[in-house]
Structures are given as C-alpha cells and as structure tokens.
Amino acid sequence: MNKSLFITNEGAWKHHVFGIESQNYSADDLALLFQDENFEYCYTKEIDFLAIDEVRKLKKLQNEQGKKLFILHFLQIQKESQNALLKMLEEPSEHSYFIFIFPQKKMLLDTVLSRMFLVNNHKEREVKSSIDPSEYFQKSLSEKFDFHQKILKKDFQKKDLLAFLLNMESFLKKEGSERFASSLRQIFFLRSLIGKPQVSIKMILDHLAISLETQKSSL
C-alpha cells in the first residue's frame, strides 16, 4: 500500500479518519508506512471484536498532547461501539489521525462510514486461506470434524477462519447461489460471530460442517 493514498504530495493528510476494507493488511503493516511522519506515538492494535471500552480508550488518548496516529484492525464491531465511535469521530482532535481496517464495509453503519475517507487500494491482494473450499466441501461430516481437530492444533486464528469463510462463500456462489442459499445464509451468520470472545473457532467450523452436510443431503 502506498502512503500517497493518505497524504498529498505537499505532505498534508487527506483526512483525519480513514477506512480500509481489507482481509490482508495488519495494523503493523500500515504503521511502517508512517514511521517518518514525526508522530509523538503510533497506537496499533489487532482485535477480533472492537468493544465500546476500546473506543472509550481511543477517545481518551486522542485528547492527549502531540501528533498521534491510531491504527486498528478488527474483525467485528457491535452497534453500541459504532455509536460511540461516531461521536468521537464527529470532532477528532486536531492532531489525531485514525485508520480502521475491517473485512467488509457493509458491517459498518452508514453514519460511521460517512465520517471516513475510504481508501481504495487497487492492488489489494487476494484473500489467502490454508483451507481449499472445494476440497473441504467434498469431505464427509466425520472427515470435516477430524480436519477441524488437525488445523486447531496448528496456529489457526480467527483471521484465518474469516478468510476461509469468505472463500467458502465465493465457492458456493460460483456453484450456484440459489442451490446453496441456506449455507450462504449460515456463513453470513457465522461471520457475525467471529469477533465474539465466547464463540470458539471449533464451534463455528462444526456449525459450518453440519450446515453444509444438511445442504448437500437436500440437493
């Protein structure tokens, strides 16, 4: 990603608040772009679920003195957090800049999106997943459950789960959106659960496996 997407040739920031719809870039990836911008400090965080306590923390930090950059990468955000975020972004402090990275912009309220300068990165990389959706789909239910046990022993995180669900969604749409409408609805529902700390990766994978098996048996 190029720094010119955020800063003009004259060195002026294009906005105080930026939004990036991406599956790939991390907060630390972006922080490297701005290491020569003379910020007092750069706050970066990778978070599954952006809760209201984190928004309150940001609000407090932005009121401190100095030029500050906040970069947050989150997978899910609740409506309460969005409302709090909206209030903060309506009047950001003069020397505070925010960059939010999220999987899909449709997860955000229109009012929140309206406060952001959405960065259009034409060189966005493909979403990569360690699980091939077509191979996974062909497995029996018991094979899927065994497969879940194997990948959970590795460093399979919720961001990897999100990438897999998005790839599975694309695969099913190619196979026929109407034929797999039920499973597509389930994937949409499961994506909304990823950021919830009480919901494990195994729970989501097992639910997906059962949903796909039910769909296959009805074809």
C-alpha atoms as a PDB file:
ATOM      1  CA  MET A   1       0.000   0.000   0.000  1.00  0.00           C
ATOM      2  CA  ASN A   2       1.229   3.470  -0.894  1.00  0.00           C
ATOM      3  CA  LYS A   3       1.429   6.333   1.590  1.00  0.00           C
ATOM      4  CA  SER A   4       0.123   8.679  -1.109  1.00  0.00           C
ATOM      5  CA  LEU A   5      -3.327   7.187  -0.520  1.00  0.00           C
ATOM      6  CA  PHE A   6      -3.332   9.036   2.809  1.00  0.00           C
ATOM      7  CA  ILE A   7      -1.028  12.045   2.344  1.00  0.00           C
ATOM      8  CA  THR A   8      -0.772  14.552  -0.520  1.00  0.00           C
ATOM      9  CA  ASN A   9       2.489  15.366  -2.313  1.00  0.00           C
ATOM     10  CA  GLU A  10       2.664  18.529  -0.218  1.00  0.00           C
ATOM     11  CA  GLY A  11       2.623  16.451   2.976  1.00  0.00           C
ATOM     12  CA  ALA A  12      -0.948  17.266   4.040  1.00  0.00           C
ATOM     13  CA  TRP A  13      -3.184  14.489   5.330  1.00  0.00           C
ATOM     14  CA  LYS A  14      -6.250  13.965   3.145  1.00  0.00           C
ATOM     15  CA  HIS A  15      -8.494  13.333   6.154  1.00  0.00           C
ATOM     16  CA  HIS A  16      -8.408  12.696   9.885  1.00  0.00           C
ATOM     17  CA  VAL A  17     -10.184   9.339   9.640  1.00  0.00           C
ATOM     18  CA  PHE A  18      -9.543   6.576   7.098  1.00  0.00           C
ATOM     19  CA  GLY A  19     -11.270   3.271   6.465  1.00  0.00           C
ATOM     20  CA  ILE A  20      -9.715   0.314   4.654  1.00  0.00           C
ATOM     21  CA  GLU A  21     -11.775  -2.681   3.552  1.00  0.00           C
ATOM     22  CA  SER A  22      -9.182  -5.453   3.554  1.00  0.00           C
ATOM     23  CA  GLN A  23      -8.572  -9.059   4.605  1.00  0.00           C
ATOM     24  CA  ASN A  24      -4.811  -8.825   4.434  1.00  0.00           C
ATOM     25  CA  TYR A  25      -3.265  -5.714   5.904  1.00  0.00           C
ATOM     26  CA  SER A  26      -2.436  -5.618   9.586  1.00  0.00           C
ATOM     27  CA  ALA A  27      -2.110  -2.569  11.792  1.00  0.00           C
ATOM     28  CA  ASP A  28       1.663  -3.056  11.963  1.00  0.00           C
ATOM     29  CA  ASP A  29       1.857  -3.296   8.144  1.00  0.00           C
ATOM     30  CA  LEU A  30       0.425   0.197   7.860  1.00  0.00           C
ATOM     31  CA  ALA A  31       2.383   1.632  10.757  1.00  0.00           C
ATOM     32  CA  LEU A  32       5.587   1.058   8.780  1.00  0.00           C
ATOM     33  CA  LEU A  33       4.339   3.470   6.106  1.00  0.00           C
ATOM     34  CA  PHE A  34       4.239   6.351   8.556  1.00  0.00           C
ATOM     35  CA  GLN A  35       7.399   5.824  10.577  1.00  0.00           C
ATOM     36  CA  ASP A  36       8.903   9.036   9.140  1.00  0.00           C
ATOM     37  CA  GLU A  37       5.881  11.239   9.840  1.00  0.00           C
ATOM     38  CA  ASN A  38       7.073  12.539  13.223  1.00  0.00           C
ATOM     39  CA  PHE A  39       4.191  11.249  15.334  1.00  0.00           C
ATOM     40  CA  GLU A  40       4.509  11.547  19.088  1.00  0.00           C
ATOM     41  CA  TYR A  41       3.321   7.970  19.153  1.00  0.00           C
ATOM     42  CA  CYS A  42       1.582   5.427  16.972  1.00  0.00           C
ATOM     43  CA  TYR A  43      -1.063   3.237  18.604  1.00  0.00           C
ATOM     44  CA  THR A  44      -1.662  -0.066  16.774  1.00  0.00           C
ATOM     45  CA  LYS A  45      -3.937  -2.925  17.725  1.00  0.00           C
ATOM     46  CA  GLU A  46      -5.189  -6.189  16.244  1.00  0.00           C
ATOM     47  CA  ILE A  47      -8.540  -7.097  17.753  1.00  0.00           C
ATOM     48  CA  ASP A  48     -11.237  -9.655  16.973  1.00  0.00           C
ATOM     49  CA  PHE A  49     -14.102  -7.673  18.470  1.00  0.00           C
ATOM     50  CA  LEU A  50     -13.997  -3.889  18.800  1.00  0.00           C
ATOM     51  CA  ALA A  51     -15.848  -3.294  22.048  1.00  0.00           C
ATOM     52  CA  ILE A  52     -17.014   0.008  23.487  1.00  0.00           C
ATOM     53  CA  ASP A  53     -14.259   0.008  26.151  1.00  0.00           C
ATOM     54  CA  GLU A  54     -11.657   0.206  23.396  1.00  0.00           C
ATOM     55  CA  VAL A  55     -13.497   3.124  21.779  1.00  0.00           C
ATOM     56  CA  ARG A  56     -13.533   4.938  25.126  1.00  0.00           C
ATOM     57  CA  LYS A  57      -9.793   4.341  25.424  1.00  0.00           C
ATOM     58  CA  LEU A  58      -9.230   5.851  21.986  1.00  0.00           C
ATOM     59  CA  LYS A  59     -11.308   8.883  22.907  1.00  0.00           C
ATOM     60  CA  LYS A  60      -9.194   9.464  25.985  1.00  0.00           C
ATOM     61  CA  LEU A  61      -5.891   9.001  24.162  1.00  0.00           C
ATOM     62  CA  GLN A  62      -6.769  11.346  21.314  1.00  0.00           C
ATOM     63  CA  ASN A  63      -7.175  14.209  23.779  1.00  0.00           C
ATOM     64  CA  GLU A  64      -3.550  13.972  24.880  1.00  0.00           C
ATOM     65  CA  GLN A  65      -0.988  16.429  23.534  1.00  0.00           C
ATOM     66  CA  GLY A  66       1.002  15.825  20.368  1.00  0.00           C
ATOM     67  CA  LYS A  67       0.563  14.370  16.906  1.00  0.00           C
ATOM     68  CA  LYS A  68      -0.892  10.870  17.163  1.00  0.00           C
ATOM     69  CA  LEU A  69      -1.752   8.016  14.818  1.00  0.00           C
ATOM     70  CA  PHE A  70      -4.215   5.263  15.735  1.00  0.00           C
ATOM     71  CA  ILE A  71      -4.406   2.133  13.566  1.00  0.00           C
ATOM     72  CA  LEU A  72      -6.917  -0.570  14.490  1.00  0.00           C
ATOM     73  CA  HIS A  73      -7.621  -3.802  12.640  1.00  0.00           C
ATOM     74  CA  PHE A  74     -10.822  -5.506  13.781  1.00  0.00           C
ATOM     75  CA  LEU A  75     -13.000  -8.368  12.554  1.00  0.00           C
ATOM     76  CA  GLN A  76     -16.308  -7.392  14.162  1.00  0.00           C
ATOM     77  CA  ILE A  77     -17.824  -4.363  15.876  1.00  0.00           C
ATOM     78  CA  GLN A  78     -21.069  -4.066  17.817  1.00  0.00           C
ATOM     79  CA  LYS A  79     -23.620  -1.333  17.164  1.00  0.00           C
ATOM     80  CA  GLU A  80     -23.031   0.212  20.604  1.00  0.00           C
ATOM     81  CA  SER A  81     -19.334   0.598  19.776  1.00  0.00           C
ATOM     82  CA  GLN A  82     -20.166   2.149  16.415  1.00  0.00           C
ATOM     83  CA  ASN A  83     -22.390   4.753  18.025  1.00  0.00           C
ATOM     84  CA  ALA A  84     -19.618   5.643  20.478  1.00  0.00           C
ATOM     85  CA  LEU A  85     -17.111   5.721  17.625  1.00  0.00           C
ATOM     86  CA  LEU A  86     -19.364   8.036  15.653  1.00  0.00           C
ATOM     87  CA  LYS A  87     -19.478  10.550  18.486  1.00  0.00           C
ATOM     88  CA  MET A  88     -15.682  10.504  18.752  1.00  0.00           C
ATOM     89  CA  LEU A  89     -15.137  10.870  15.005  1.00  0.00           C
ATOM     90  CA  GLU A  90     -17.522  13.792  14.694  1.00  0.00           C
ATOM     91  CA  GLU A  91     -14.924  16.017  16.341  1.00  0.00           C
ATOM     92  CA  PRO A  92     -11.481  14.379  16.272  1.00  0.00           C
ATOM     93  CA  SER A  93      -8.728  16.380  17.944  1.00  0.00           C
ATOM     94  CA  GLU A  94      -6.655  18.478  15.565  1.00  0.00           C
ATOM     95  CA  HIS A  95      -3.501  16.359  15.615  1.00  0.00           C
ATOM     96  CA  SER A  96      -5.059  12.891  15.809  1.00  0.00           C
ATOM     97  CA  TYR A  97      -5.364  10.577  12.824  1.00  0.00           C
ATOM     98  CA  PHE A  98      -7.261   7.290  12.676  1.00  0.00           C
ATOM     99  CA  ILE A  99      -7.000   4.336  10.308  1.00  0.00           C
ATOM    100  CA  PHE A 100      -9.507   1.497  10.697  1.00  0.00           C
ATOM    101  CA  ILE A 101      -9.074  -1.802   8.865  1.00  0.00           C
ATOM    102  CA  PHE A 102     -12.116  -4.085   8.618  1.00  0.00           C
ATOM    103  CA  PRO A 103     -13.178  -7.091   6.490  1.00  0.00           C
ATOM    104  CA  GLN A 104     -16.227  -5.547   4.812  1.00  0.00           C
ATOM    105  CA  LYS A 105     -17.561  -2.008   4.850  1.00  0.00           C
ATOM    106  CA  LYS A 106     -21.163  -3.245   4.914  1.00  0.00           C
ATOM    107  CA  MET A 107     -20.594  -4.245   8.547  1.00  0.00           C
ATOM    108  CA  LEU A 108     -20.425  -0.548   9.476  1.00  0.00           C
ATOM    109  CA  LEU A 109     -23.274   1.911   9.875  1.00  0.00           C
ATOM    110  CA  ASP A 110     -23.649   4.401   7.041  1.00  0.00           C
ATOM    111  CA  THR A 111     -23.187   7.243   9.512  1.00  0.00           C
ATOM    112  CA  VAL A 112     -19.820   5.821  10.610  1.00  0.00           C
ATOM    113  CA  LEU A 113     -18.701   5.270   7.016  1.00  0.00           C
ATOM    114  CA  SER A 114     -19.638   8.853   6.175  1.00  0.00           C
ATOM    115  CA  ARG A 115     -17.008  10.056   8.662  1.00  0.00           C
ATOM    116  CA  MET A 116     -14.249   8.084   6.946  1.00  0.00           C
ATOM    117  CA  PHE A 117     -12.137   8.634   3.880  1.00  0.00           C
ATOM    118  CA  LEU A 118     -12.369   5.178   2.312  1.00  0.00           C
ATOM    119  CA  VAL A 119      -9.040   4.150   0.850  1.00  0.00           C
ATOM    120  CA  ASN A 120      -9.457   2.438  -2.493  1.00  0.00           C
ATOM    121  CA  ASN A 121      -6.466   0.117  -2.816  1.00  0.00           C
ATOM    122  CA  HIS A 122      -6.467  -1.233  -6.362  1.00  0.00           C
ATOM    123  CA  LYS A 123      -3.593  -3.558  -5.533  1.00  0.00           C
ATOM    124  CA  GLU A 124      -5.409  -5.388  -2.775  1.00  0.00           C
ATOM    125  CA  ARG A 125      -4.036  -8.886  -2.518  1.00  0.00           C
ATOM    126  CA  GLU A 126      -6.210 -11.985  -2.770  1.00  0.00           C
ATOM    127  CA  VAL A 127      -7.606 -13.383   0.429  1.00  0.00           C
ATOM    128  CA  LYS A 128      -5.461 -16.359   1.273  1.00  0.00           C
ATOM    129  CA  SER A 129      -6.679 -19.355   3.230  1.00  0.00           C
ATOM    130  CA  SER A 130      -4.909 -22.553   4.230  1.00  0.00           C
ATOM    131  CA  ILE A 131      -8.142 -24.461   3.533  1.00  0.00           C
ATOM    132  CA  ASP A 132      -9.278 -25.175  -0.010  1.00  0.00           C
ATOM    133  CA  PRO A 133     -13.090 -24.690  -0.016  1.00  0.00           C
ATOM    134  CA  SER A 134     -13.762 -27.213  -2.791  1.00  0.00           C
ATOM    135  CA  GLU A 135     -11.746 -29.942  -1.040  1.00  0.00           C
ATOM    136  CA  TYR A 136     -13.387 -29.136   2.271  1.00  0.00           C
ATOM    137  CA  PHE A 137     -16.846 -29.260   0.717  1.00  0.00           C
ATOM    138  CA  GLN A 138     -16.277 -32.790  -0.628  1.00  0.00           C
ATOM    139  CA  LYS A 139     -15.309 -34.220   2.757  1.00  0.00           C
ATOM    140  CA  SER A 140     -17.850 -36.224   4.726  1.00  0.00           C
ATOM    141  CA  LEU A 141     -19.106 -34.813   8.017  1.00  0.00           C
ATOM    142  CA  SER A 142     -16.808 -37.039  10.087  1.00  0.00           C
ATOM    143  CA  GLU A 143     -13.859 -36.112   7.851  1.00  0.00           C
ATOM    144  CA  LYS A 144     -14.630 -32.438   8.374  1.00  0.00           C
ATOM    145  CA  PHE A 145     -14.681 -32.889  12.148  1.00  0.00           C
ATOM    146  CA  ASP A 146     -11.349 -34.753  12.034  1.00  0.00           C
ATOM    147  CA  PHE A 147      -9.939 -31.987   9.851  1.00  0.00           C
ATOM    148  CA  HIS A 148     -11.022 -29.370  12.377  1.00  0.00           C
ATOM    149  CA  GLN A 149      -9.074 -31.148  15.103  1.00  0.00           C
ATOM    150  CA  LYS A 150      -5.942 -31.153  12.955  1.00  0.00           C
ATOM    151  CA  ILE A 151      -5.950 -27.492  11.981  1.00  0.00           C
ATOM    152  CA  LEU A 152      -6.776 -26.360  15.523  1.00  0.00           C
ATOM    153  CA  LYS A 153      -3.552 -27.963  16.691  1.00  0.00           C
ATOM    154  CA  LYS A 154      -1.764 -25.529  14.384  1.00  0.00           C
ATOM    155  CA  ASP A 155      -1.686 -21.748  14.575  1.00  0.00           C
ATOM    156  CA  PHE A 156      -5.144 -21.296  13.066  1.00  0.00           C
ATOM    157  CA  GLN A 157      -6.579 -17.971  14.223  1.00  0.00           C
ATOM    158  CA  LYS A 158      -9.862 -16.150  13.804  1.00  0.00           C
ATOM    159  CA  LYS A 159      -8.480 -14.064  10.950  1.00  0.00           C
ATOM    160  CA  ASP A 160      -7.708 -17.362   9.167  1.00  0.00           C
ATOM    161  CA  LEU A 161     -11.241 -18.524   9.891  1.00  0.00           C
ATOM    162  CA  LEU A 162     -12.675 -15.347   8.365  1.00  0.00           C
ATOM    163  CA  ALA A 163     -10.568 -15.819   5.215  1.00  0.00           C
ATOM    164  CA  PHE A 164     -11.817 -19.398   4.924  1.00  0.00           C
ATOM    165  CA  LEU A 165     -15.484 -18.403   5.345  1.00  0.00           C
ATOM    166  CA  LEU A 166     -15.150 -15.710   2.692  1.00  0.00           C
ATOM    167  CA  ASN A 167     -13.516 -18.176   0.290  1.00  0.00           C
ATOM    168  CA  MET A 168     -16.203 -20.762   1.024  1.00  0.00           C
ATOM    169  CA  GLU A 169     -18.850 -18.131   0.322  1.00  0.00           C
ATOM    170  CA  SER A 170     -17.236 -17.346  -3.041  1.00  0.00           C
ATOM    171  CA  PHE A 171     -17.018 -21.052  -3.878  1.00  0.00           C
ATOM    172  CA  LEU A 172     -20.697 -21.686  -3.121  1.00  0.00           C
ATOM    173  CA  LYS A 173     -21.777 -18.645  -5.119  1.00  0.00           C
ATOM    174  CA  LYS A 174     -19.884 -19.984  -8.123  1.00  0.00           C
ATOM    175  CA  GLU A 175     -21.587 -23.348  -7.649  1.00  0.00           C
ATOM    176  CA  GLY A 176     -24.978 -21.638  -7.553  1.00  0.00           C
ATOM    177  CA  SER A 177     -26.310 -19.033  -5.136  1.00  0.00           C
ATOM    178  CA  GLU A 178     -29.853 -20.398  -5.284  1.00  0.00           C
ATOM    179  CA  ARG A 179     -28.759 -24.027  -4.773  1.00  0.00           C
ATOM    180  CA  PHE A 180     -26.715 -23.130  -1.704  1.00  0.00           C
ATOM    181  CA  ALA A 181     -28.838 -20.288  -0.355  1.00  0.00           C
ATOM    182  CA  SER A 182     -29.234 -21.933   3.062  1.00  0.00           C
ATOM    183  CA  SER A 183     -25.492 -22.453   3.550  1.00  0.00           C
ATOM    184  CA  LEU A 184     -24.739 -18.933   2.354  1.00  0.00           C
ATOM    185  CA  ARG A 185     -27.117 -17.549   4.972  1.00  0.00           C
ATOM    186  CA  GLN A 186     -25.364 -19.652   7.615  1.00  0.00           C
ATOM    187  CA  ILE A 187     -21.942 -18.378   6.550  1.00  0.00           C
ATOM    188  CA  PHE A 188     -23.187 -14.799   6.828  1.00  0.00           C
ATOM    189  CA  PHE A 189     -24.436 -15.592  10.334  1.00  0.00           C
ATOM    190  CA  LEU A 190     -21.183 -17.327  11.332  1.00  0.00           C
ATOM    191  CA  ARG A 191     -19.107 -14.373  10.157  1.00  0.00           C
ATOM    192  CA  SER A 192     -21.022 -12.179  12.594  1.00  0.00           C
ATOM    193  CA  LEU A 193     -19.950 -14.457  15.452  1.00  0.00           C
ATOM    194  CA  ILE A 194     -16.217 -14.486  14.789  1.00  0.00           C
ATOM    195  CA  GLY A 195     -15.417 -11.486  16.954  1.00  0.00           C
ATOM    196  CA  LYS A 196     -17.359 -12.710  19.980  1.00  0.00           C
ATOM    197  CA  PRO A 197     -14.892 -13.987  22.599  1.00  0.00           C
ATOM    198  CA  GLN A 198     -17.303 -16.640  23.888  1.00  0.00           C
ATOM    199  CA  VAL A 199     -17.579 -18.275  20.446  1.00  0.00           C
ATOM    200  CA  SER A 200     -14.674 -20.584  19.599  1.00  0.00           C
ATOM    201  CA  ILE A 201     -13.221 -21.370  16.187  1.00  0.00           C
ATOM    202  CA  LYS A 202     -14.222 -25.019  16.625  1.00  0.00           C
ATOM    203  CA  MET A 203     -17.845 -24.082  17.302  1.00  0.00           C
ATOM    204  CA  ILE A 204     -18.017 -22.089  14.074  1.00  0.00           C
ATOM    205  CA  LEU A 205     -16.297 -24.763  11.978  1.00  0.00           C
ATOM    206  CA  ASP A 206     -18.502 -27.538  13.369  1.00  0.00           C
ATOM    207  CA  HIS A 207     -21.622 -25.475  12.740  1.00  0.00           C
ATOM    208  CA  LEU A 208     -20.481 -24.827   9.176  1.00  0.00           C
ATOM    209  CA  ALA A 209     -19.795 -28.529   8.593  1.00  0.00           C
ATOM    210  CA  ILE A 210     -23.277 -29.516   9.755  1.00  0.00           C
ATOM    211  CA  SER A 211     -24.855 -26.783   7.633  1.00  0.00           C
ATOM    212  CA  LEU A 212     -23.001 -27.919   4.508  1.00  0.00           C
ATOM    213  CA  GLU A 213     -23.869 -31.556   5.138  1.00  0.00           C
ATOM    214  CA  THR A 214     -27.552 -30.677   5.526  1.00  0.00           C
ATOM    215  CA  GLN A 215     -27.413 -28.647   2.322  1.00  0.00           C
ATOM    216  CA  LYS A 216     -25.693 -31.472   0.391  1.00  0.00           C
ATOM    217  CA  SER A 217     -28.272 -34.023   1.510  1.00  0.00           C
ATOM    218  CA  SER A 218     -31.094 -31.803   0.234  1.00  0.00           C
ATOM    219  CA  LEU A 219     -29.666 -31.433  -3.278  1.00  0.00           C
END
